[in-house]
Amino acid sequence: MRKDELAAAQAYVRLLEATRAALSDPDDGPLFMPLLAAPIEEADAALRQAGLSGNESQFFDLVRSLQPSLSGSGH
């Protein structure tokens, strides 16, 4: 995995974790939604820099190699 691809995958994982944390309590979710703007911008920029915008299949293969638990297999 190239350095820019790794950065994109890591940015996505951080965005996913921040989203899960922000939405963990449905009552407080709307209060925390603005905090997701920075992780979204980081992930978008990293995807563009790695040339992965619009290439979801390749991108998610990279994410799965970084964090196999995101494969949906439950393992």
Protein backbone atom coordinates (compact mmCIF):
# COMPACT_ATOMS: atom_id res chain seq x y z
CA MET A 1 0.00 0.00 0.00
CA ARG A 2 1.36 3.40 -0.97
CA LYS A 3 1.76 6.11 1.66
CA ASP A 4 -1.09 8.23 0.22
CA GLU A 5 -3.37 5.19 0.06
CA LEU A 6 -2.58 4.37 3.68
CA ALA A 7 -3.36 7.98 4.67
CA ALA A 8 -6.72 7.78 2.87
CA ALA A 9 -7.64 4.48 4.53
CA GLN A 10 -6.61 5.78 7.95
CA ALA A 11 -8.61 9.00 7.45
CA TYR A 12 -11.69 6.93 6.57
CA VAL A 13 -11.28 4.75 9.67
CA ARG A 14 -11.01 7.90 11.83
CA LEU A 15 -14.13 9.30 10.18
CA LEU A 16 -15.99 6.05 10.79
CA GLU A 17 -14.96 6.01 14.46
CA ALA A 18 -15.92 9.67 14.93
CA THR A 19 -19.29 9.07 13.29
CA ARG A 20 -19.99 6.06 15.49
CA ALA A 21 -19.10 8.09 18.59
CA ALA A 22 -21.21 11.08 17.51
CA LEU A 23 -24.23 8.91 16.80
CA SER A 24 -23.91 6.51 19.72
CA ASP A 25 -26.60 8.36 21.66
CA PRO A 26 -29.51 9.24 19.34
CA ASP A 27 -30.63 12.05 21.65
CA ASP A 28 -27.25 13.79 21.54
CA GLY A 29 -26.43 12.98 17.91
CA PRO A 30 -27.58 16.32 16.46
CA LEU A 31 -25.34 18.18 18.92
CA PHE A 32 -22.24 16.33 17.74
CA MET A 33 -22.89 16.31 13.98
CA PRO A 34 -20.92 19.57 13.40
CA LEU A 35 -17.86 17.85 14.89
CA LEU A 36 -17.80 15.51 11.90
CA ALA A 37 -17.00 18.30 9.42
CA ALA A 38 -13.23 18.12 10.01
CA PRO A 39 -12.95 14.30 9.69
CA ILE A 40 -15.09 14.42 6.53
CA GLU A 41 -12.85 17.09 5.00
CA GLU A 42 -9.73 15.12 5.97
CA ALA A 43 -11.08 11.93 4.38
CA ASP A 44 -12.18 13.72 1.20
CA ALA A 45 -8.78 15.39 0.79
CA ALA A 46 -6.91 12.14 1.42
CA LEU A 47 -9.06 10.30 -1.14
CA ARG A 48 -8.41 12.96 -3.76
CA GLN A 49 -4.67 13.00 -3.05
CA ALA A 50 -4.46 9.21 -3.40
CA GLY A 51 -6.51 9.26 -6.62
CA LEU A 52 -9.21 7.12 -5.00
CA SER A 53 -12.19 9.45 -5.39
CA GLY A 54 -14.77 7.53 -7.39
CA ASN A 55 -12.92 4.23 -7.03
CA GLU A 56 -14.74 2.77 -4.05
CA SER A 57 -13.91 -0.85 -4.78
CA GLN A 58 -10.15 -0.27 -4.68
CA PHE A 59 -10.50 2.06 -1.70
CA PHE A 60 -12.49 -0.39 0.41
CA ASP A 61 -10.02 -3.17 -0.42
CA LEU A 62 -7.35 -0.92 1.11
CA VAL A 63 -9.51 -0.19 4.16
CA ARG A 64 -10.16 -3.91 4.68
CA SER A 65 -6.44 -4.63 4.50
CA LEU A 66 -5.89 -1.98 7.17
CA GLN A 67 -8.82 -2.95 9.38
CA PRO A 68 -10.17 -6.44 8.54
CA SER A 69 -13.02 -6.04 11.06
CA LEU A 70 -14.66 -3.64 8.58
CA SER A 71 -15.19 -6.43 6.07
CA GLY A 72 -18.60 -7.24 7.50
CA SER A 73 -17.66 -10.83 8.21
CA GLY A 74 -17.88 -10.33 11.96
CA HIS A 75 -14.36 -11.72 12.48
